[in-house]
Amino acid sequence: KTSLTGLMNVSFTNYTEYGIHNQTLRYCWISYFLFTILSSFIGDSIILLASIRYDAFKLHKAIVTIMQHMAVCDLFNSFNNCPSLVLLISERNILGSFLCNVRGYFICYTYPASF
């Protein structure tokens, strides 16, 4: 007879099973997430600032409102990538399971609007 403990990996963690062990690949993903988060934050902030404060868009009010809603959803969408960035930098889960549960609800509402 064989026991289950003899067949299982005792040192199981998410990093050993799913982690990115290649440092070059990990740095590429970190730079990708940083670029997308920063460019989205800068671009959407400019759109929101120009449309709300300076009234720079000379379009119909409904079109400007849709643009504002899309910019806000894109901001939420880019902040959904922040936990992944933190996980890649720290190489372990320091944020807990709360963000995993909440993130699914944000994705349902922000992804369709950002496409």
PDB file of N, CA and C in Angstrom:
ATOM      1  N   LYS A   1       0.826  -1.186   0.000  1.00  0.00           N
ATOM      2  CA  LYS A   1       0.000   0.000   0.000  1.00  0.00           C
ATOM      3  C   LYS A   1       0.872   1.252   0.000  1.00  0.00           C
ATOM      4  N   THR A   2       0.435   2.230  -0.749  1.00  0.00           N
ATOM      5  CA  THR A   2       1.132   3.505  -0.747  1.00  0.00           C
ATOM      6  C   THR A   2       0.229   4.553  -0.112  1.00  0.00           C
ATOM      7  N   SER A   3       0.844   5.463   0.605  1.00  0.00           N
ATOM      8  CA  SER A   3       0.065   6.528   1.233  1.00  0.00           C
ATOM      9  C   SER A   3      -0.008   7.740   0.311  1.00  0.00           C
ATOM     10  N   LEU A   4      -0.993   8.578   0.541  1.00  0.00           N
ATOM     11  CA  LEU A   4      -1.137   9.777  -0.268  1.00  0.00           C
ATOM     12  C   LEU A   4      -0.021  10.774  -0.022  1.00  0.00           C
ATOM     13  N   THR A   5       0.515  10.809   1.186  1.00  0.00           N
ATOM     14  CA  THR A   5       1.580  11.772   1.459  1.00  0.00           C
ATOM     15  C   THR A   5       2.838  11.436   0.688  1.00  0.00           C
ATOM     16  N   GLY A   6       3.034  10.203   0.339  1.00  0.00           N
ATOM     17  CA  GLY A   6       4.191   9.833  -0.461  1.00  0.00           C
ATOM     18  C   GLY A   6       4.057  10.269  -1.899  1.00  0.00           C
ATOM     19  N   LEU A   7       2.851  10.451  -2.375  1.00  0.00           N
ATOM     20  CA  LEU A   7       2.623  10.842  -3.756  1.00  0.00           C
ATOM     21  C   LEU A   7       2.499  12.346  -3.946  1.00  0.00           C
ATOM     22  N   MET A   8       2.215  13.077  -2.886  1.00  0.00           N
ATOM     23  CA  MET A   8       1.969  14.512  -2.991  1.00  0.00           C
ATOM     24  C   MET A   8       3.236  15.310  -2.713  1.00  0.00           C
ATOM     25  N   ASN A   9       3.307  16.477  -3.304  1.00  0.00           N
ATOM     26  CA  ASN A   9       4.398  17.407  -3.041  1.00  0.00           C
ATOM     27  C   ASN A   9       4.104  18.109  -1.720  1.00  0.00           C
ATOM     28  N   VAL A  10       4.939  17.902  -0.720  1.00  0.00           N
ATOM     29  CA  VAL A  10       4.682  18.454   0.598  1.00  0.00           C
ATOM     30  C   VAL A  10       4.954  19.951   0.633  1.00  0.00           C
ATOM     31  N   SER A  11       5.877  20.437  -0.178  1.00  0.00           N
ATOM     32  CA  SER A  11       6.237  21.850  -0.167  1.00  0.00           C
ATOM     33  C   SER A  11       5.430  22.630  -1.208  1.00  0.00           C
ATOM     34  N   PHE A  12       4.129  22.402  -1.246  1.00  0.00           N
ATOM     35  CA  PHE A  12       3.272  23.050  -2.237  1.00  0.00           C
ATOM     36  C   PHE A  12       2.983  24.487  -1.832  1.00  0.00           C
ATOM     37  N   THR A  13       3.263  25.413  -2.717  1.00  0.00           N
ATOM     38  CA  THR A  13       2.841  26.802  -2.592  1.00  0.00           C
ATOM     39  C   THR A  13       2.440  27.266  -3.981  1.00  0.00           C
ATOM     40  N   ASN A  14       1.765  28.388  -4.061  1.00  0.00           N
ATOM     41  CA  ASN A  14       1.397  28.916  -5.370  1.00  0.00           C
ATOM     42  C   ASN A  14       2.623  29.317  -6.168  1.00  0.00           C
ATOM     43  N   TYR A  15       3.677  29.768  -5.470  1.00  0.00           N
ATOM     44  CA  TYR A  15       4.872  30.178  -6.189  1.00  0.00           C
ATOM     45  C   TYR A  15       5.561  28.975  -6.836  1.00  0.00           C
ATOM     46  N   THR A  16       5.630  27.852  -6.126  1.00  0.00           N
ATOM     47  CA  THR A  16       6.303  26.697  -6.707  1.00  0.00           C
ATOM     48  C   THR A  16       5.514  26.102  -7.866  1.00  0.00           C
ATOM     49  N   GLU A  17       4.191  26.225  -7.838  1.00  0.00           N
ATOM     50  CA  GLU A  17       3.372  25.653  -8.894  1.00  0.00           C
ATOM     51  C   GLU A  17       3.110  26.628 -10.034  1.00  0.00           C
ATOM     52  N   TYR A  18       2.808  27.894  -9.718  1.00  0.00           N
ATOM     53  CA  TYR A  18       2.361  28.839 -10.730  1.00  0.00           C
ATOM     54  C   TYR A  18       3.269  30.051 -10.895  1.00  0.00           C
ATOM     55  N   GLY A  19       4.273  30.199 -10.071  1.00  0.00           N
ATOM     56  CA  GLY A  19       5.123  31.383 -10.103  1.00  0.00           C
ATOM     57  C   GLY A  19       5.982  31.460 -11.352  1.00  0.00           C
ATOM     58  N   ILE A  20       6.408  32.656 -11.681  1.00  0.00           N
ATOM     59  CA  ILE A  20       7.304  32.863 -12.815  1.00  0.00           C
ATOM     60  C   ILE A  20       8.723  32.783 -12.268  1.00  0.00           C
ATOM     61  N   HIS A  21       9.431  31.747 -12.637  1.00  0.00           N
ATOM     62  CA  HIS A  21      10.764  31.514 -12.098  1.00  0.00           C
ATOM     63  C   HIS A  21      11.856  32.162 -12.924  1.00  0.00           C
ATOM     64  N   ASN A  22      11.580  32.500 -14.156  1.00  0.00           N
ATOM     65  CA  ASN A  22      12.536  33.168 -15.023  1.00  0.00           C
ATOM     66  C   ASN A  22      12.507  34.665 -14.715  1.00  0.00           C
ATOM     67  N   GLN A  23      13.629  35.214 -14.268  1.00  0.00           N
ATOM     68  CA  GLN A  23      13.677  36.614 -13.854  1.00  0.00           C
ATOM     69  C   GLN A  23      13.443  37.569 -15.019  1.00  0.00           C
ATOM     70  N   THR A  24      13.927  37.232 -16.208  1.00  0.00           N
ATOM     71  CA  THR A  24      13.730  38.097 -17.368  1.00  0.00           C
ATOM     72  C   THR A  24      12.254  38.195 -17.720  1.00  0.00           C
ATOM     73  N   LEU A  25      11.576  37.070 -17.706  1.00  0.00           N
ATOM     74  CA  LEU A  25      10.145  37.064 -17.991  1.00  0.00           C
ATOM     75  C   LEU A  25       9.371  37.824 -16.915  1.00  0.00           C
ATOM     76  N   ARG A  26       9.767  37.673 -15.675  1.00  0.00           N
ATOM     77  CA  ARG A  26       9.096  38.382 -14.580  1.00  0.00           C
ATOM     78  C   ARG A  26       9.285  39.892 -14.725  1.00  0.00           C
ATOM     79  N   TYR A  27      10.490  40.342 -15.065  1.00  0.00           N
ATOM     80  CA  TYR A  27      10.738  41.770 -15.263  1.00  0.00           C
ATOM     81  C   TYR A  27       9.969  42.313 -16.466  1.00  0.00           C
ATOM     82  N   CYS A  28       9.806  41.512 -17.505  1.00  0.00           N
ATOM     83  CA  CYS A  28       9.005  41.943 -18.659  1.00  0.00           C
ATOM     84  C   CYS A  28       7.545  42.141 -18.260  1.00  0.00           C
ATOM     85  N   TRP A  29       6.995  41.211 -17.461  1.00  0.00           N
ATOM     86  CA  TRP A  29       5.608  41.361 -16.998  1.00  0.00           C
ATOM     87  C   TRP A  29       5.462  42.554 -16.059  1.00  0.00           C
ATOM     88  N   ILE A  30       6.440  42.785 -15.205  1.00  0.00           N
ATOM     89  CA  ILE A  30       6.386  43.943 -14.299  1.00  0.00           C
ATOM     90  C   ILE A  30       6.390  45.239 -15.108  1.00  0.00           C
ATOM     91  N   SER A  31       7.267  45.327 -16.111  1.00  0.00           N
ATOM     92  CA  SER A  31       7.311  46.545 -16.920  1.00  0.00           C
ATOM     93  C   SER A  31       6.039  46.710 -17.738  1.00  0.00           C
ATOM     94  N   TYR A  32       5.460  45.609 -18.212  1.00  0.00           N
ATOM     95  CA  TYR A  32       4.195  45.688 -18.949  1.00  0.00           C
ATOM     96  C   TYR A  32       3.080  46.228 -18.052  1.00  0.00           C
ATOM     97  N   PHE A  33       2.949  45.681 -16.843  1.00  0.00           N
ATOM     98  CA  PHE A  33       1.900  46.152 -15.930  1.00  0.00           C
ATOM     99  C   PHE A  33       2.137  47.604 -15.523  1.00  0.00           C
ATOM    100  N   LEU A  34       3.377  47.993 -15.263  1.00  0.00           N
ATOM    101  CA  LEU A  34       3.663  49.387 -14.924  1.00  0.00           C
ATOM    102  C   LEU A  34       3.298  50.327 -16.072  1.00  0.00           C
ATOM    103  N   PHE A  35       3.659  49.939 -17.290  1.00  0.00           N
ATOM    104  CA  PHE A  35       3.350  50.772 -18.447  1.00  0.00           C
ATOM    105  C   PHE A  35       1.846  50.921 -18.639  1.00  0.00           C
ATOM    106  N   THR A  36       1.105  49.820 -18.557  1.00  0.00           N
ATOM    107  CA  THR A  36      -0.340  49.910 -18.775  1.00  0.00           C
ATOM    108  C   THR A  36      -1.033  50.691 -17.670  1.00  0.00           C
ATOM    109  N   ILE A  37      -0.602  50.527 -16.428  1.00  0.00           N
ATOM    110  CA  ILE A  37      -1.234  51.244 -15.327  1.00  0.00           C
ATOM    111  C   ILE A  37      -0.938  52.738 -15.429  1.00  0.00           C
ATOM    112  N   LEU A  38       0.322  53.101 -15.667  1.00  0.00           N
ATOM    113  CA  LEU A  38       0.683  54.518 -15.749  1.00  0.00           C
ATOM    114  C   LEU A  38       0.079  55.205 -16.966  1.00  0.00           C
ATOM    115  N   SER A  39       0.131  54.558 -18.124  1.00  0.00           N
ATOM    116  CA  SER A  39      -0.422  55.194 -19.322  1.00  0.00           C
ATOM    117  C   SER A  39      -1.936  55.323 -19.224  1.00  0.00           C
ATOM    118  N   SER A  40      -2.590  54.352 -18.646  1.00  0.00           N
ATOM    119  CA  SER A  40      -4.035  54.450 -18.468  1.00  0.00           C
ATOM    120  C   SER A  40      -4.390  55.548 -17.478  1.00  0.00           C
ATOM    121  N   PHE A  41      -3.644  55.626 -16.389  1.00  0.00           N
ATOM    122  CA  PHE A  41      -3.922  56.663 -15.394  1.00  0.00           C
ATOM    123  C   PHE A  41      -3.714  58.061 -15.981  1.00  0.00           C
ATOM    124  N   ILE A  42      -2.641  58.247 -16.721  1.00  0.00           N
ATOM    125  CA  ILE A  42      -2.360  59.556 -17.311  1.00  0.00           C
ATOM    126  C   ILE A  42      -3.388  59.904 -18.378  1.00  0.00           C
ATOM    127  N   GLY A  43      -3.663  58.989 -19.300  1.00  0.00           N
ATOM    128  CA  GLY A  43      -4.600  59.266 -20.382  1.00  0.00           C
ATOM    129  C   GLY A  43      -6.020  59.492 -19.903  1.00  0.00           C
ATOM    130  N   ASP A  44      -6.489  58.652 -18.998  1.00  0.00           N
ATOM    131  CA  ASP A  44      -7.859  58.809 -18.507  1.00  0.00           C
ATOM    132  C   ASP A  44      -8.004  60.037 -17.628  1.00  0.00           C
ATOM    133  N   SER A  45      -6.969  60.373 -16.887  1.00  0.00           N
ATOM    134  CA  SER A  45      -7.030  61.597 -16.083  1.00  0.00           C
ATOM    135  C   SER A  45      -7.103  62.836 -16.969  1.00  0.00           C
ATOM    136  N   ILE A  46      -6.370  62.823 -18.071  1.00  0.00           N
ATOM    137  CA  ILE A  46      -6.432  63.951 -19.003  1.00  0.00           C
ATOM    138  C   ILE A  46      -7.824  64.067 -19.610  1.00  0.00           C
ATOM    139  N   ILE A  47      -8.407  62.938 -19.988  1.00  0.00           N
ATOM    140  CA  ILE A  47      -9.761  62.969 -20.562  1.00  0.00           C
ATOM    141  C   ILE A  47     -10.765  63.487 -19.550  1.00  0.00           C
ATOM    142  N   LEU A  48     -10.701  62.990 -18.316  1.00  0.00           N
ATOM    143  CA  LEU A  48     -11.654  63.433 -17.299  1.00  0.00           C
ATOM    144  C   LEU A  48     -11.454  64.903 -16.937  1.00  0.00           C
ATOM    145  N   LEU A  49     -10.201  65.318 -16.810  1.00  0.00           N
ATOM    146  CA  LEU A  49      -9.928  66.713 -16.472  1.00  0.00           C
ATOM    147  C   LEU A  49     -10.375  67.652 -17.592  1.00  0.00           C
ATOM    148  N   ALA A  50     -10.090  67.274 -18.836  1.00  0.00           N
ATOM    149  CA  ALA A  50     -10.465  68.129 -19.964  1.00  0.00           C
ATOM    150  C   ALA A  50     -11.977  68.202 -20.140  1.00  0.00           C
ATOM    151  N   SER A  51     -12.673  67.127 -19.861  1.00  0.00           N
ATOM    152  CA  SER A  51     -14.112  67.130 -20.095  1.00  0.00           C
ATOM    153  C   SER A  51     -14.899  67.716 -18.925  1.00  0.00           C
ATOM    154  N   ILE A  52     -14.400  67.583 -17.713  1.00  0.00           N
ATOM    155  CA  ILE A  52     -15.147  68.075 -16.555  1.00  0.00           C
ATOM    156  C   ILE A  52     -14.782  69.511 -16.218  1.00  0.00           C
ATOM    157  N   ARG A  53     -13.511  69.783 -16.106  1.00  0.00           N
ATOM    158  CA  ARG A  53     -13.096  71.098 -15.612  1.00  0.00           C
ATOM    159  C   ARG A  53     -13.048  72.159 -16.715  1.00  0.00           C
ATOM    160  N   TYR A  54     -12.468  71.800 -17.866  1.00  0.00           N
ATOM    161  CA  TYR A  54     -12.242  72.798 -18.911  1.00  0.00           C
ATOM    162  C   TYR A  54     -13.276  72.762 -20.029  1.00  0.00           C
ATOM    163  N   ASP A  55     -14.156  71.784 -20.027  1.00  0.00           N
ATOM    164  CA  ASP A  55     -15.185  71.653 -21.062  1.00  0.00           C
ATOM    165  C   ASP A  55     -14.557  71.747 -22.457  1.00  0.00           C
ATOM    166  N   ALA A  56     -13.508  70.960 -22.673  1.00  0.00           N
ATOM    167  CA  ALA A  56     -12.710  71.053 -23.903  1.00  0.00           C
ATOM    168  C   ALA A  56     -13.349  70.357 -25.091  1.00  0.00           C
ATOM    169  N   PHE A  57     -14.259  69.433 -24.858  1.00  0.00           N
ATOM    170  CA  PHE A  57     -14.872  68.707 -25.959  1.00  0.00           C
ATOM    171  C   PHE A  57     -16.151  69.411 -26.384  1.00  0.00           C
ATOM    172  N   LYS A  58     -16.185  69.836 -27.615  1.00  0.00           N
ATOM    173  CA  LYS A  58     -17.360  70.519 -28.156  1.00  0.00           C
ATOM    174  C   LYS A  58     -18.254  69.505 -28.864  1.00  0.00           C
ATOM    175  N   LEU A  59     -18.703  68.539 -28.114  1.00  0.00           N
ATOM    176  CA  LEU A  59     -19.571  67.492 -28.639  1.00  0.00           C
ATOM    177  C   LEU A  59     -20.883  67.511 -27.870  1.00  0.00           C
ATOM    178  N   HIS A  60     -21.792  66.658 -28.295  1.00  0.00           N
ATOM    179  CA  HIS A  60     -23.064  66.533 -27.600  1.00  0.00           C
ATOM    180  C   HIS A  60     -22.814  66.022 -26.177  1.00  0.00           C
ATOM    181  N   LYS A  61     -23.621  66.486 -25.243  1.00  0.00           N
ATOM    182  CA  LYS A  61     -23.421  66.159 -23.826  1.00  0.00           C
ATOM    183  C   LYS A  61     -23.481  64.652 -23.574  1.00  0.00           C
ATOM    184  N   ALA A  62     -24.325  63.924 -24.311  1.00  0.00           N
ATOM    185  CA  ALA A  62     -24.427  62.472 -24.129  1.00  0.00           C
ATOM    186  C   ALA A  62     -23.130  61.769 -24.541  1.00  0.00           C
ATOM    187  N   ILE A  63     -22.506  62.233 -25.616  1.00  0.00           N
ATOM    188  CA  ILE A  63     -21.247  61.628 -26.075  1.00  0.00           C
ATOM    189  C   ILE A  63     -20.134  61.888 -25.069  1.00  0.00           C
ATOM    190  N   VAL A  64     -20.081  63.099 -24.526  1.00  0.00           N
ATOM    191  CA  VAL A  64     -19.066  63.426 -23.522  1.00  0.00           C
ATOM    192  C   VAL A  64     -19.281  62.596 -22.260  1.00  0.00           C
ATOM    193  N   THR A  65     -20.533  62.381 -21.879  1.00  0.00           N
ATOM    194  CA  THR A  65     -20.833  61.573 -20.699  1.00  0.00           C
ATOM    195  C   THR A  65     -20.407  60.123 -20.911  1.00  0.00           C
ATOM    196  N   ILE A  66     -20.650  59.587 -22.105  1.00  0.00           N
ATOM    197  CA  ILE A  66     -20.202  58.216 -22.404  1.00  0.00           C
ATOM    198  C   ILE A  66     -18.682  58.133 -22.361  1.00  0.00           C
ATOM    199  N   MET A  67     -17.989  59.147 -22.883  1.00  0.00           N
ATOM    200  CA  MET A  67     -16.521  59.168 -22.819  1.00  0.00           C
ATOM    201  C   MET A  67     -16.030  59.199 -21.376  1.00  0.00           C
ATOM    202  N   GLN A  68     -16.698  59.961 -20.527  1.00  0.00           N
ATOM    203  CA  GLN A  68     -16.316  60.027 -19.118  1.00  0.00           C
ATOM    204  C   GLN A  68     -16.530  58.685 -18.433  1.00  0.00           C
ATOM    205  N   HIS A  69     -17.651  58.034 -18.717  1.00  0.00           N
ATOM    206  CA  HIS A  69     -17.907  56.724 -18.124  1.00  0.00           C
ATOM    207  C   HIS A  69     -16.892  55.691 -18.595  1.00  0.00           C
ATOM    208  N   MET A  70     -16.529  55.736 -19.859  1.00  0.00           N
ATOM    209  CA  MET A  70     -15.514  54.808 -20.367  1.00  0.00           C
ATOM    210  C   MET A  70     -14.154  55.069 -19.720  1.00  0.00           C
ATOM    211  N   ALA A  71     -13.819  56.339 -19.483  1.00  0.00           N
ATOM    212  CA  ALA A  71     -12.546  56.659 -18.836  1.00  0.00           C
ATOM    213  C   ALA A  71     -12.525  56.165 -17.402  1.00  0.00           C
ATOM    214  N   VAL A  72     -13.643  56.302 -16.690  1.00  0.00           N
ATOM    215  CA  VAL A  72     -13.695  55.815 -15.307  1.00  0.00           C
ATOM    216  C   VAL A  72     -13.603  54.296 -15.273  1.00  0.00           C
ATOM    217  N   CYS A  73     -14.307  53.617 -16.178  1.00  0.00           N
ATOM    218  CA  CYS A  73     -14.222  52.149 -16.231  1.00  0.00           C
ATOM    219  C   CYS A  73     -12.815  51.696 -16.612  1.00  0.00           C
ATOM    220  N   ASP A  74     -12.150  52.427 -17.480  1.00  0.00           N
ATOM    221  CA  ASP A  74     -10.781  52.084 -17.840  1.00  0.00           C
ATOM    222  C   ASP A  74      -9.838  52.294 -16.660  1.00  0.00           C
ATOM    223  N   LEU A  75     -10.086  53.313 -15.849  1.00  0.00           N
ATOM    224  CA  LEU A  75      -9.290  53.490 -14.627  1.00  0.00           C
ATOM    225  C   LEU A  75      -9.478  52.323 -13.672  1.00  0.00           C
ATOM    226  N   PHE A  76     -10.731  51.902 -13.476  1.00  0.00           N
ATOM    227  CA  PHE A  76     -10.984  50.730 -12.630  1.00  0.00           C
ATOM    228  C   PHE A  76     -10.317  49.490 -13.209  1.00  0.00           C
ATOM    229  N   ASN A  77     -10.373  49.363 -14.530  1.00  0.00           N
ATOM    230  CA  ASN A  77      -9.766  48.222 -15.194  1.00  0.00           C
ATOM    231  C   ASN A  77      -8.250  48.211 -15.008  1.00  0.00           C
ATOM    232  N   SER A  78      -7.628  49.371 -15.080  1.00  0.00           N
ATOM    233  CA  SER A  78      -6.174  49.411 -14.892  1.00  0.00           C
ATOM    234  C   SER A  78      -5.802  49.158 -13.435  1.00  0.00           C
ATOM    235  N   PHE A  79      -6.644  49.591 -12.508  1.00  0.00           N
ATOM    236  CA  PHE A  79      -6.353  49.308 -11.103  1.00  0.00           C
ATOM    237  C   PHE A  79      -6.613  47.849 -10.748  1.00  0.00           C
ATOM    238  N   ASN A  80      -7.324  47.128 -11.604  1.00  0.00           N
ATOM    239  CA  ASN A  80      -7.435  45.679 -11.426  1.00  0.00           C
ATOM    240  C   ASN A  80      -6.098  44.989 -11.630  1.00  0.00           C
ATOM    241  N   ASN A  81      -5.206  45.616 -12.393  1.00  0.00           N
ATOM    242  CA  ASN A  81      -3.884  45.036 -12.620  1.00  0.00           C
ATOM    243  C   ASN A  81      -2.919  45.287 -11.474  1.00  0.00           C
ATOM    244  N   CYS A  82      -3.256  46.181 -10.564  1.00  0.00           N
ATOM    245  CA  CYS A  82      -2.358  46.491  -9.446  1.00  0.00           C
ATOM    246  C   CYS A  82      -2.065  45.284  -8.552  1.00  0.00           C
ATOM    247  N   PRO A  83      -3.059  44.449  -8.185  1.00  0.00           N
ATOM    248  CA  PRO A  83      -2.708  43.266  -7.393  1.00  0.00           C
ATOM    249  C   PRO A  83      -1.760  42.323  -8.113  1.00  0.00           C
ATOM    250  N   SER A  84      -1.926  42.175  -9.429  1.00  0.00           N
ATOM    251  CA  SER A  84      -0.997  41.322 -10.181  1.00  0.00           C
ATOM    252  C   SER A  84       0.406  41.897 -10.168  1.00  0.00           C
ATOM    253  N   LEU A  85       0.506  43.212 -10.250  1.00  0.00           N
ATOM    254  CA  LEU A  85       1.814  43.863 -10.203  1.00  0.00           C
ATOM    255  C   LEU A  85       2.472  43.649  -8.843  1.00  0.00           C
ATOM    256  N   VAL A  86       1.707  43.792  -7.781  1.00  0.00           N
ATOM    257  CA  VAL A  86       2.250  43.587  -6.431  1.00  0.00           C
ATOM    258  C   VAL A  86       2.688  42.142  -6.245  1.00  0.00           C
ATOM    259  N   LEU A  87       1.898  41.200  -6.769  1.00  0.00           N
ATOM    260  CA  LEU A  87       2.276  39.790  -6.669  1.00  0.00           C
ATOM    261  C   LEU A  87       3.554  39.492  -7.435  1.00  0.00           C
ATOM    262  N   LEU A  88       3.719  40.097  -8.592  1.00  0.00           N
ATOM    263  CA  LEU A  88       4.932  39.863  -9.375  1.00  0.00           C
ATOM    264  C   LEU A  88       6.157  40.470  -8.706  1.00  0.00           C
ATOM    265  N   ILE A  89       6.005  41.644  -8.114  1.00  0.00           N
ATOM    266  CA  ILE A  89       7.146  42.292  -7.476  1.00  0.00           C
ATOM    267  C   ILE A  89       7.552  41.553  -6.211  1.00  0.00           C
ATOM    268  N   SER A  90       6.567  41.186  -5.383  1.00  0.00           N
ATOM    269  CA  SER A  90       6.889  40.571  -4.094  1.00  0.00           C
ATOM    270  C   SER A  90       7.110  39.068  -4.184  1.00  0.00           C
ATOM    271  N   GLU A  91       6.675  38.424  -5.264  1.00  0.00           N
ATOM    272  CA  GLU A  91       6.778  36.986  -5.487  1.00  0.00           C
ATOM    273  C   GLU A  91       6.017  36.167  -4.445  1.00  0.00           C
ATOM    274  N   ARG A  92       5.065  36.767  -3.756  1.00  0.00           N
ATOM    275  CA  ARG A  92       4.195  36.034  -2.835  1.00  0.00           C
ATOM    276  C   ARG A  92       2.921  36.841  -2.646  1.00  0.00           C
ATOM    277  N   ASN A  93       1.921  36.203  -2.085  1.00  0.00           N
ATOM    278  CA  ASN A  93       0.626  36.851  -1.910  1.00  0.00           C
ATOM    279  C   ASN A  93       0.611  37.612  -0.595  1.00  0.00           C
ATOM    280  N   ILE A  94       0.823  38.914  -0.661  1.00  0.00           N
ATOM    281  CA  ILE A  94       0.811  39.726   0.554  1.00  0.00           C
ATOM    282  C   ILE A  94      -0.504  40.484   0.711  1.00  0.00           C
ATOM    283  N   LEU A  95      -1.389  40.395  -0.289  1.00  0.00           N
ATOM    284  CA  LEU A  95      -2.639  41.149  -0.255  1.00  0.00           C
ATOM    285  C   LEU A  95      -3.803  40.352   0.327  1.00  0.00           C
ATOM    286  N   GLY A  96      -3.668  39.052   0.469  1.00  0.00           N
ATOM    287  CA  GLY A  96      -4.738  38.238   1.035  1.00  0.00           C
ATOM    288  C   GLY A  96      -5.762  37.820   0.000  1.00  0.00           C
ATOM    289  N   SER A  97      -6.761  37.085   0.459  1.00  0.00           N
ATOM    290  CA  SER A  97      -7.772  36.557  -0.460  1.00  0.00           C
ATOM    291  C   SER A  97      -8.925  37.525  -0.686  1.00  0.00           C
ATOM    292  N   PHE A  98      -9.011  38.608   0.083  1.00  0.00           N
ATOM    293  CA  PHE A  98     -10.108  39.565  -0.078  1.00  0.00           C
ATOM    294  C   PHE A  98     -10.107  40.175  -1.469  1.00  0.00           C
ATOM    295  N   LEU A  99      -8.938  40.582  -1.960  1.00  0.00           N
ATOM    296  CA  LEU A  99      -8.866  41.191  -3.288  1.00  0.00           C
ATOM    297  C   LEU A  99      -9.201  40.202  -4.392  1.00  0.00           C
ATOM    298  N   CYS A 100      -8.909  38.929  -4.179  1.00  0.00           N
ATOM    299  CA  CYS A 100      -9.274  37.924  -5.179  1.00  0.00           C
ATOM    300  C   CYS A 100     -10.791  37.836  -5.321  1.00  0.00           C
ATOM    301  N   ASN A 101     -11.492  37.940  -4.207  1.00  0.00           N
ATOM    302  CA  ASN A 101     -12.953  37.865  -4.255  1.00  0.00           C
ATOM    303  C   ASN A 101     -13.562  39.134  -4.828  1.00  0.00           C
ATOM    304  N   VAL A 102     -13.051  40.292  -4.466  1.00  0.00           N
ATOM    305  CA  VAL A 102     -13.603  41.566  -4.925  1.00  0.00           C
ATOM    306  C   VAL A 102     -13.248  41.818  -6.384  1.00  0.00           C
ATOM    307  N   ARG A 103     -12.075  41.388  -6.795  1.00  0.00           N
ATOM    308  CA  ARG A 103     -11.596  41.648  -8.146  1.00  0.00           C
ATOM    309  C   ARG A 103     -12.508  41.039  -9.209  1.00  0.00           C
ATOM    310  N   GLY A 104     -13.090  39.898  -8.922  1.00  0.00           N
ATOM    311  CA  GLY A 104     -13.998  39.264  -9.875  1.00  0.00           C
ATOM    312  C   GLY A 104     -15.220  40.110 -10.183  1.00  0.00           C
ATOM    313  N   TYR A 105     -15.730  40.809  -9.178  1.00  0.00           N
ATOM    314  CA  TYR A 105     -16.892  41.668  -9.395  1.00  0.00           C
ATOM    315  C   TYR A 105     -16.523  42.900 -10.220  1.00  0.00           C
ATOM    316  N   PHE A 106     -15.355  43.462  -9.973  1.00  0.00           N
ATOM    317  CA  PHE A 106     -14.925  44.619 -10.756  1.00  0.00           C
ATOM    318  C   PHE A 106     -14.712  44.246 -12.217  1.00  0.00           C
ATOM    319  N   ILE A 107     -14.154  43.068 -12.439  1.00  0.00           N
ATOM    320  CA  ILE A 107     -13.871  42.636 -13.805  1.00  0.00           C
ATOM    321  C   ILE A 107     -15.157  42.500 -14.606  1.00  0.00           C
ATOM    322  N   CYS A 108     -16.219  41.998 -13.978  1.00  0.00           N
ATOM    323  CA  CYS A 108     -17.496  41.825 -14.683  1.00  0.00           C
ATOM    324  C   CYS A 108     -18.045  43.134 -15.210  1.00  0.00           C
ATOM    325  N   TYR A 109     -17.811  44.219 -14.493  1.00  0.00           N
ATOM    326  CA  TYR A 109     -18.397  45.502 -14.876  1.00  0.00           C
ATOM    327  C   TYR A 109     -17.445  46.392 -15.661  1.00  0.00           C
ATOM    328  N   THR A 110     -16.148  46.270 -15.453  1.00  0.00           N
ATOM    329  CA  THR A 110     -15.227  47.201 -16.098  1.00  0.00           C
ATOM    330  C   THR A 110     -14.677  46.690 -17.426  1.00  0.00           C
ATOM    331  N   TYR A 111     -14.470  45.395 -17.596  1.00  0.00           N
ATOM    332  CA  TYR A 111     -13.908  44.895 -18.845  1.00  0.00           C
ATOM    333  C   TYR A 111     -14.783  45.185 -20.052  1.00  0.00           C
ATOM    334  N   PRO A 112     -16.094  44.922 -20.007  1.00  0.00           N
ATOM    335  CA  PRO A 112     -16.890  45.224 -21.211  1.00  0.00           C
ATOM    336  C   PRO A 112     -16.880  46.704 -21.590  1.00  0.00           C
ATOM    337  N   ALA A 113     -16.826  47.584 -20.617  1.00  0.00           N
ATOM    338  CA  ALA A 113     -16.832  49.011 -20.931  1.00  0.00           C
ATOM    339  C   ALA A 113     -15.487  49.480 -21.469  1.00  0.00           C
ATOM    340  N   SER A 114     -14.409  48.815 -21.113  1.00  0.00           N
ATOM    341  CA  SER A 114     -13.108  49.265 -21.564  1.00  0.00           C
ATOM    342  C   SER A 114     -12.756  48.736 -22.966  1.00  0.00           C
ATOM    343  N   PHE A 115     -13.508  47.782 -23.449  1.00  0.00           N
ATOM    344  CA  PHE A 115     -13.246  47.290 -24.808  1.00  0.00           C
ATOM    345  C   PHE A 115     -13.886  48.231 -25.767  1.00  0.00           C
TER     346      PHE A 115
END
